[in-house]
Amino acid sequence: MATIKDIAQKANVSAATVSRILNQDDTLSVTAQTRERVHKIAQELNYTKHLKVTAKRHLSIGIFQWYSVFQELEDPYYQSIRVGIEKYCADHDIHVVRTFHSDTNYPNTLKELDGLICIGKFNKEQIDSFQNLNSNTIFIDMKTSKIHCNTIVLDFHVAVIEALEYLYGLGHRKIAYLGGKEILPDNSIYFEERKDAFVRYCQDHSIEYEPYLYEERFTAESGYEMTKKLIAHGDLPTAIFAASDPIAIGAMRALYEAGYKIPEDISIIGFDDISVASFSNPPLTTVHAPTEFMGEYAAHYVKLQANDNDLKYQTPIRLTLPCDLIVRNSCCPPKTE
């Protein structure tokens, strides 16, 4: 089994540097190239991260992420879920085996564990393969049409309605949707509940939205590019609903570059409530998604299942967690015509 020293030797850096990079220590002063090289070597060597290794450890839980390690570094949403899992496991002396979809040997790495937590979106074939690998498996952030596996999801439907009710109450009747598409391994597109709730609400309340609906990726870069297209369209809505905070932050930059003021010229709402949302200019009104708690709850559930053999009847469950609208300074009533 590869160690931090093995990675350090191959990367030509110190073991302490490797440890701080793998633990995502932002205070470490190294180049992006060094960070990328260390992560790549760790992946090549199938390095497994161990948390709080103690002699009393009695449970082992696997984490599987549908992102690669490099994609996760750019996505605070999935990163926060994973942090929640690892915090809970560290607090309860649970050994963690962390793997990514890009790891070629992940099925062998995840064998003979007490539980498995899968983060992201998966098709039916993948779901079955993980459940065959470990019967104590739970999926985070994946809502299936039928409850046939253990899942923890967010109440996107109610969250979107709450956000739109807020904009509607301010007087907005022309609202844009900026979202992303998530592609499953079989090339099908994952059903986006936020978009569905948005469209239904707009249709029910005579809100103009169709000219302003864009979908690319859940990144700041996509938010920036989609908003540039929105501006080029020539008829701006009075408000934007962004399906993620990175999209909203990218949108804000595009609007500022074009000379628009937020919220005086256009209001914007995000989704996630990532740490930088309260420090944007202006502070971003957004929907708080309890991502870290999702991870903690998933680890807690797997731990309970691993320690409880009394239930004779096993049935899959879906846990739905609420979201809350956080009102800051990026929205106001639209300008009067």
Protein backbone atom coordinates (compact mmCIF):
# COMPACT_ATOMS: atom_id res chain seq x y z
CA MET A 1 0.00 0.00 0.00
CA ALA A 2 1.39 3.40 -1.03
CA THR A 3 2.42 5.83 1.70
CA ILE A 4 2.93 9.59 1.87
CA LYS A 5 6.68 8.98 1.77
CA ASP A 6 6.30 7.06 -1.52
CA ILE A 7 4.43 10.00 -3.03
CA ALA A 8 6.92 12.52 -1.67
CA GLN A 9 9.87 10.62 -3.15
CA LYS A 10 8.27 10.40 -6.58
CA ALA A 11 7.09 14.03 -6.53
CA ASN A 12 10.46 15.28 -5.25
CA VAL A 13 8.92 17.16 -2.32
CA SER A 14 8.84 16.61 1.44
CA ALA A 15 6.42 14.22 3.13
CA ALA A 16 5.03 17.17 5.10
CA THR A 17 4.27 18.99 1.85
CA VAL A 18 2.47 15.94 0.46
CA SER A 19 0.42 15.60 3.65
CA ARG A 20 -0.64 19.26 3.59
CA ILE A 21 -1.54 19.12 -0.11
CA LEU A 22 -3.63 15.95 0.26
CA ASN A 23 -5.39 17.55 3.25
CA GLN A 24 -6.08 20.67 1.13
CA ASP A 25 -4.17 23.07 3.35
CA ASP A 26 -4.77 26.44 1.65
CA THR A 27 -2.08 28.10 3.77
CA LEU A 28 0.65 26.03 2.10
CA SER A 29 2.64 28.14 -0.37
CA VAL A 30 3.28 25.88 -3.37
CA THR A 31 2.53 26.25 -7.06
CA ALA A 32 -0.62 24.88 -8.66
CA GLN A 33 1.63 22.62 -10.73
CA THR A 34 3.09 21.06 -7.58
CA ARG A 35 -0.36 20.45 -6.11
CA GLU A 36 -1.54 18.85 -9.35
CA ARG A 37 1.60 16.67 -9.57
CA VAL A 38 1.16 15.38 -6.01
CA HIS A 39 -2.54 14.55 -6.57
CA LYS A 40 -1.72 12.81 -9.86
CA ILE A 41 1.02 10.68 -8.31
CA ALA A 42 -1.22 9.80 -5.34
CA GLN A 43 -3.88 8.67 -7.80
CA GLU A 44 -1.38 6.63 -9.85
CA LEU A 45 -0.15 4.87 -6.71
CA ASN A 46 -3.73 4.20 -5.51
CA TYR A 47 -2.95 6.04 -2.28
CA THR A 48 -5.64 5.56 0.39
CA LYS A 49 -6.13 8.34 2.91
CA HIS A 50 -6.39 7.24 6.54
CA LEU A 51 -8.10 9.42 9.12
CA LYS A 52 -7.21 9.29 12.82
CA VAL A 53 -5.73 5.82 12.70
CA THR A 54 -6.02 4.28 16.16
CA ALA A 55 -5.81 0.79 17.56
CA LYS A 56 -9.44 0.99 18.67
CA ARG A 57 -10.82 1.52 15.19
CA HIS A 58 -13.49 -1.01 14.36
CA LEU A 59 -15.39 0.35 11.35
CA SER A 60 -14.26 1.09 7.80
CA ILE A 61 -16.35 3.19 5.42
CA GLY A 62 -15.67 3.85 1.76
CA ILE A 63 -16.35 7.12 -0.05
CA PHE A 64 -16.86 6.99 -3.80
CA GLN A 65 -17.15 10.22 -5.78
CA TRP A 66 -18.36 10.43 -9.34
CA TYR A 67 -15.98 13.40 -9.85
CA SER A 68 -12.25 13.11 -10.35
CA VAL A 69 -9.98 14.52 -7.66
CA PHE A 70 -9.28 17.56 -9.86
CA GLN A 71 -12.97 18.27 -10.49
CA GLU A 72 -13.70 18.08 -6.77
CA LEU A 73 -11.11 20.78 -6.09
CA GLU A 74 -13.21 23.15 -8.25
CA ASP A 75 -16.60 22.19 -6.79
CA PRO A 76 -17.38 23.44 -3.25
CA TYR A 77 -20.75 21.62 -3.28
CA TYR A 78 -19.40 18.07 -3.49
CA GLN A 79 -16.29 18.98 -1.55
CA SER A 80 -18.47 20.11 1.38
CA ILE A 81 -20.38 16.80 1.37
CA ARG A 82 -17.12 14.85 1.50
CA VAL A 83 -15.78 17.06 4.31
CA GLY A 84 -18.93 16.33 6.34
CA ILE A 85 -18.38 12.59 5.97
CA GLU A 86 -14.72 12.76 6.94
CA LYS A 87 -15.39 15.01 9.94
CA TYR A 88 -17.97 12.57 11.30
CA CYS A 89 -15.69 9.61 10.72
CA ALA A 90 -12.75 11.35 12.39
CA ASP A 91 -14.91 12.16 15.42
CA HIS A 92 -16.11 8.55 15.70
CA ASP A 93 -12.83 6.72 14.99
CA ILE A 94 -14.04 5.36 11.65
CA HIS A 95 -11.46 4.47 9.03
CA VAL A 96 -12.15 6.09 5.65
CA VAL A 97 -11.22 4.75 2.22
CA ARG A 98 -11.65 7.52 -0.36
CA THR A 99 -11.94 6.78 -4.08
CA PHE A 100 -12.89 8.61 -7.25
CA HIS A 101 -14.49 7.54 -10.53
CA SER A 102 -11.16 8.22 -12.20
CA ASP A 103 -9.47 5.56 -10.04
CA THR A 104 -9.14 2.48 -12.24
CA ASN A 105 -9.01 -0.01 -9.35
CA TYR A 106 -11.81 1.40 -7.17
CA PRO A 107 -13.92 -1.84 -6.98
CA ASN A 108 -11.05 -3.71 -5.32
CA THR A 109 -10.26 -0.73 -3.09
CA LEU A 110 -13.85 -0.68 -1.78
CA LYS A 111 -14.12 -4.41 -1.02
CA GLU A 112 -14.78 -5.78 2.49
CA LEU A 113 -15.78 -2.49 4.11
CA ASP A 114 -18.51 -1.93 6.70
CA GLY A 115 -20.31 0.59 4.54
CA LEU A 116 -20.13 2.65 1.37
CA ILE A 117 -21.15 6.25 0.64
CA CYS A 118 -21.48 7.26 -3.02
CA ILE A 119 -21.52 10.99 -3.81
CA GLY A 120 -22.98 12.20 -7.09
CA LYS A 121 -25.15 10.91 -9.92
CA PHE A 122 -25.24 7.28 -11.08
CA ASN A 123 -27.27 5.19 -13.51
CA LYS A 124 -29.14 2.00 -12.62
CA GLU A 125 -26.26 -0.27 -13.63
CA GLN A 126 -23.84 1.58 -11.36
CA ILE A 127 -26.29 1.61 -8.47
CA ASP A 128 -26.70 -2.16 -8.72
CA SER A 129 -22.93 -2.71 -8.91
CA PHE A 130 -22.31 -0.67 -5.74
CA GLN A 131 -25.10 -2.45 -3.85
CA ASN A 132 -23.66 -5.80 -4.93
CA LEU A 133 -20.27 -4.63 -3.71
CA ASN A 134 -21.69 -3.58 -0.32
CA SER A 135 -25.26 -4.02 0.89
CA ASN A 136 -24.76 -1.14 3.36
CA THR A 137 -24.58 1.59 0.71
CA ILE A 138 -26.13 5.05 0.64
CA PHE A 139 -26.13 7.58 -2.22
CA ILE A 140 -25.89 11.34 -1.61
CA ASP A 141 -27.42 13.96 -3.91
CA MET A 142 -29.15 11.49 -6.22
CA LYS A 143 -32.94 11.30 -6.34
CA THR A 144 -34.34 8.26 -8.13
CA SER A 145 -37.86 8.17 -9.56
CA LYS A 146 -38.55 5.07 -7.47
CA ILE A 147 -37.01 4.43 -4.05
CA HIS A 148 -34.89 1.36 -4.80
CA CYS A 149 -31.71 2.37 -2.95
CA ASN A 150 -30.77 4.38 0.14
CA THR A 151 -30.44 8.08 -0.68
CA ILE A 152 -30.03 11.47 0.99
CA VAL A 153 -31.27 14.40 -1.09
CA LEU A 154 -32.23 18.03 -0.68
CA ASP A 155 -35.75 19.41 -1.01
CA PHE A 156 -35.01 21.28 -4.24
CA HIS A 157 -38.68 21.70 -5.14
CA VAL A 158 -39.67 23.66 -2.03
CA ALA A 159 -36.37 25.58 -2.04
CA VAL A 160 -36.89 26.87 -5.58
CA ILE A 161 -40.49 27.84 -4.84
CA GLU A 162 -39.37 29.78 -1.75
CA ALA A 163 -36.75 31.65 -3.80
CA LEU A 164 -39.21 32.47 -6.57
CA GLU A 165 -41.90 33.52 -4.08
CA TYR A 166 -39.38 36.02 -2.74
CA LEU A 167 -38.64 37.42 -6.21
CA TYR A 168 -42.33 37.44 -7.12
CA GLY A 169 -43.15 39.31 -3.93
CA LEU A 170 -40.58 41.97 -4.89
CA GLY A 171 -42.46 42.43 -8.18
CA HIS A 172 -40.32 40.46 -10.65
CA ARG A 173 -42.21 39.05 -13.66
CA LYS A 174 -39.27 38.41 -16.02
CA ILE A 175 -36.85 35.91 -14.46
CA ALA A 176 -33.90 34.06 -16.03
CA TYR A 177 -32.79 30.55 -15.13
CA LEU A 178 -29.07 29.74 -15.31
CA GLY A 179 -28.34 26.09 -14.59
CA GLY A 180 -26.22 23.10 -15.50
CA LYS A 181 -26.64 19.69 -17.07
CA GLU A 182 -25.24 16.56 -15.44
CA ILE A 183 -24.46 13.70 -17.83
CA LEU A 184 -24.61 10.11 -16.57
CA PRO A 185 -22.17 7.42 -17.79
CA ASP A 186 -24.76 6.10 -20.26
CA ASN A 187 -24.92 9.64 -21.76
CA SER A 188 -28.42 10.27 -20.41
CA ILE A 189 -29.10 13.62 -18.72
CA TYR A 190 -29.91 13.59 -15.02
CA PHE A 191 -33.34 15.05 -14.21
CA GLU A 192 -32.79 18.57 -12.86
CA GLU A 193 -35.43 19.15 -10.18
CA ARG A 194 -34.50 22.82 -9.71
CA LYS A 195 -35.21 23.57 -13.38
CA ASP A 196 -38.47 21.62 -13.31
CA ALA A 197 -39.72 23.49 -10.22
CA PHE A 198 -38.63 26.81 -11.74
CA VAL A 199 -40.50 26.23 -15.01
CA ARG A 200 -43.67 25.03 -13.29
CA TYR A 201 -43.75 28.03 -10.96
CA CYS A 202 -43.20 30.49 -13.79
CA GLN A 203 -45.96 28.89 -15.85
CA ASP A 204 -48.38 28.95 -12.92
CA HIS A 205 -47.65 32.62 -12.14
CA SER A 206 -47.41 34.06 -15.69
CA ILE A 207 -43.71 34.84 -15.32
CA GLU A 208 -41.78 35.35 -18.55
CA TYR A 209 -38.85 32.93 -18.53
CA GLU A 210 -38.52 31.09 -21.85
CA PRO A 211 -36.18 33.60 -23.59
CA TYR A 212 -33.94 33.57 -20.53
CA LEU A 213 -33.41 29.85 -19.84
CA TYR A 214 -29.80 28.64 -20.18
CA GLU A 215 -28.07 25.40 -19.15
CA GLU A 216 -24.38 24.58 -19.37
CA ARG A 217 -22.35 23.55 -16.29
CA PHE A 218 -22.47 24.32 -12.56
CA THR A 219 -19.35 26.51 -12.67
CA ALA A 220 -18.51 30.21 -12.40
CA GLU A 221 -17.12 30.11 -15.93
CA SER A 222 -20.45 28.81 -17.27
CA GLY A 223 -22.35 31.44 -15.26
CA TYR A 224 -20.16 34.10 -16.83
CA GLU A 225 -20.64 32.79 -20.39
CA MET A 226 -24.39 32.21 -20.03
CA THR A 227 -24.87 35.75 -18.71
CA LYS A 228 -22.88 37.20 -21.60
CA LYS A 229 -25.33 35.44 -23.93
CA LEU A 230 -28.21 36.78 -21.86
CA ILE A 231 -26.86 40.32 -22.20
CA ALA A 232 -26.27 39.87 -25.93
CA HIS A 233 -29.91 38.84 -26.29
CA GLY A 234 -30.73 42.50 -25.76
CA ASP A 235 -33.77 42.18 -23.48
CA LEU A 236 -32.59 41.54 -19.94
CA PRO A 237 -34.96 40.04 -17.36
CA THR A 238 -35.35 41.87 -14.07
CA ALA A 239 -33.95 38.97 -12.05
CA ILE A 240 -31.78 35.85 -12.38
CA PHE A 241 -32.21 32.55 -10.55
CA ALA A 242 -28.88 30.70 -10.62
CA ALA A 243 -28.95 26.98 -9.78
CA SER A 244 -25.60 27.23 -7.98
CA ASP A 245 -23.56 29.94 -6.27
CA PRO A 246 -20.58 29.55 -8.63
CA ILE A 247 -22.97 30.20 -11.54
CA ALA A 248 -24.32 33.27 -9.72
CA ILE A 249 -20.82 34.62 -9.04
CA GLY A 250 -19.85 34.18 -12.69
CA ALA A 251 -23.07 35.93 -13.70
CA MET A 252 -22.31 38.87 -11.40
CA ARG A 253 -18.93 39.37 -13.02
CA ALA A 254 -20.42 39.40 -16.53
CA LEU A 255 -23.05 41.93 -15.45
CA TYR A 256 -20.47 44.22 -13.83
CA GLU A 257 -18.27 44.08 -16.93
CA ALA A 258 -21.27 45.16 -19.03
CA GLY A 259 -21.93 48.12 -16.73
CA TYR A 260 -24.95 46.78 -14.85
CA LYS A 261 -25.47 47.35 -11.14
CA ILE A 262 -26.72 44.61 -8.79
CA PRO A 263 -29.44 44.75 -7.58
CA GLU A 264 -30.43 48.18 -8.93
CA ASP A 265 -30.46 47.04 -12.59
CA ILE A 266 -30.99 43.32 -12.06
CA SER A 267 -31.51 41.07 -9.03
CA ILE A 268 -29.81 37.69 -8.60
CA ILE A 269 -30.35 34.67 -6.35
CA GLY A 270 -27.91 31.78 -6.02
CA PHE A 271 -28.15 28.26 -4.62
CA ASP A 272 -25.85 26.42 -2.14
CA ASP A 273 -24.68 29.23 0.20
CA ILE A 274 -20.99 28.49 -0.27
CA SER A 275 -18.58 30.34 2.01
CA VAL A 276 -17.74 33.12 -0.46
CA ALA A 277 -21.43 33.97 -1.10
CA SER A 278 -21.57 36.31 1.89
CA PHE A 279 -18.40 38.09 0.70
CA SER A 280 -19.46 38.80 -2.89
CA ASN A 281 -20.28 42.36 -3.93
CA PRO A 282 -23.07 42.75 -2.99
CA PRO A 283 -23.45 39.79 -0.58
CA LEU A 284 -25.40 37.14 -2.45
CA THR A 285 -28.96 36.21 -1.59
CA THR A 286 -28.99 32.44 -1.91
CA VAL A 287 -30.54 29.15 -0.83
CA HIS A 288 -28.61 27.45 1.96
CA ALA A 289 -28.01 23.79 1.13
CA PRO A 290 -26.87 21.78 4.20
CA THR A 291 -24.23 19.88 2.21
CA GLU A 292 -21.82 19.23 5.08
CA PHE A 293 -24.67 17.91 7.20
CA MET A 294 -25.70 15.63 4.31
CA GLY A 295 -22.27 14.05 4.55
CA GLU A 296 -22.42 13.75 8.33
CA TYR A 297 -25.88 12.20 8.24
CA ALA A 298 -24.83 9.70 5.56
CA ALA A 299 -21.87 8.56 7.67
CA HIS A 300 -24.12 8.35 10.73
CA TYR A 301 -26.68 6.23 8.87
CA VAL A 302 -24.06 3.83 7.49
CA LYS A 303 -22.55 3.50 10.96
CA LEU A 304 -25.95 2.68 12.48
CA GLN A 305 -26.66 0.09 9.79
CA ALA A 306 -23.24 -1.50 10.27
CA ASN A 307 -23.83 -1.88 14.00
CA ASP A 308 -27.49 -2.95 13.89
CA ASN A 309 -28.32 -6.48 12.80
CA ASP A 310 -31.68 -6.70 14.59
CA LEU A 311 -33.88 -5.51 11.73
CA LYS A 312 -35.30 -8.52 9.93
CA TYR A 313 -36.94 -6.51 7.15
CA GLN A 314 -34.64 -4.28 5.13
CA THR A 315 -36.15 -1.63 2.84
CA PRO A 316 -34.48 1.28 1.05
CA ILE A 317 -35.06 4.77 2.41
CA ARG A 318 -34.94 8.32 1.02
CA LEU A 319 -33.96 11.07 3.46
CA THR A 320 -34.93 14.56 2.26
CA LEU A 321 -33.30 17.52 4.00
CA PRO A 322 -34.74 21.06 3.93
CA CYS A 323 -33.05 24.13 2.49
CA ASP A 324 -33.46 27.74 3.65
CA LEU A 325 -33.48 31.04 1.77
CA ILE A 326 -30.74 33.38 3.03
CA VAL A 327 -31.67 36.97 2.17
CA ARG A 328 -28.70 39.31 1.72
CA ASN A 329 -28.29 42.30 -0.62
CA SER A 330 -28.41 41.06 -4.23
CA CYS A 331 -32.17 41.50 -4.77
CA CYS A 332 -34.55 44.43 -4.76
CA PRO A 333 -37.79 45.44 -6.52
CA PRO A 334 -37.38 45.87 -10.30
CA LYS A 335 -37.03 49.31 -11.82
CA THR A 336 -40.31 50.89 -12.80
CA GLU A 337 -40.80 51.10 -16.58
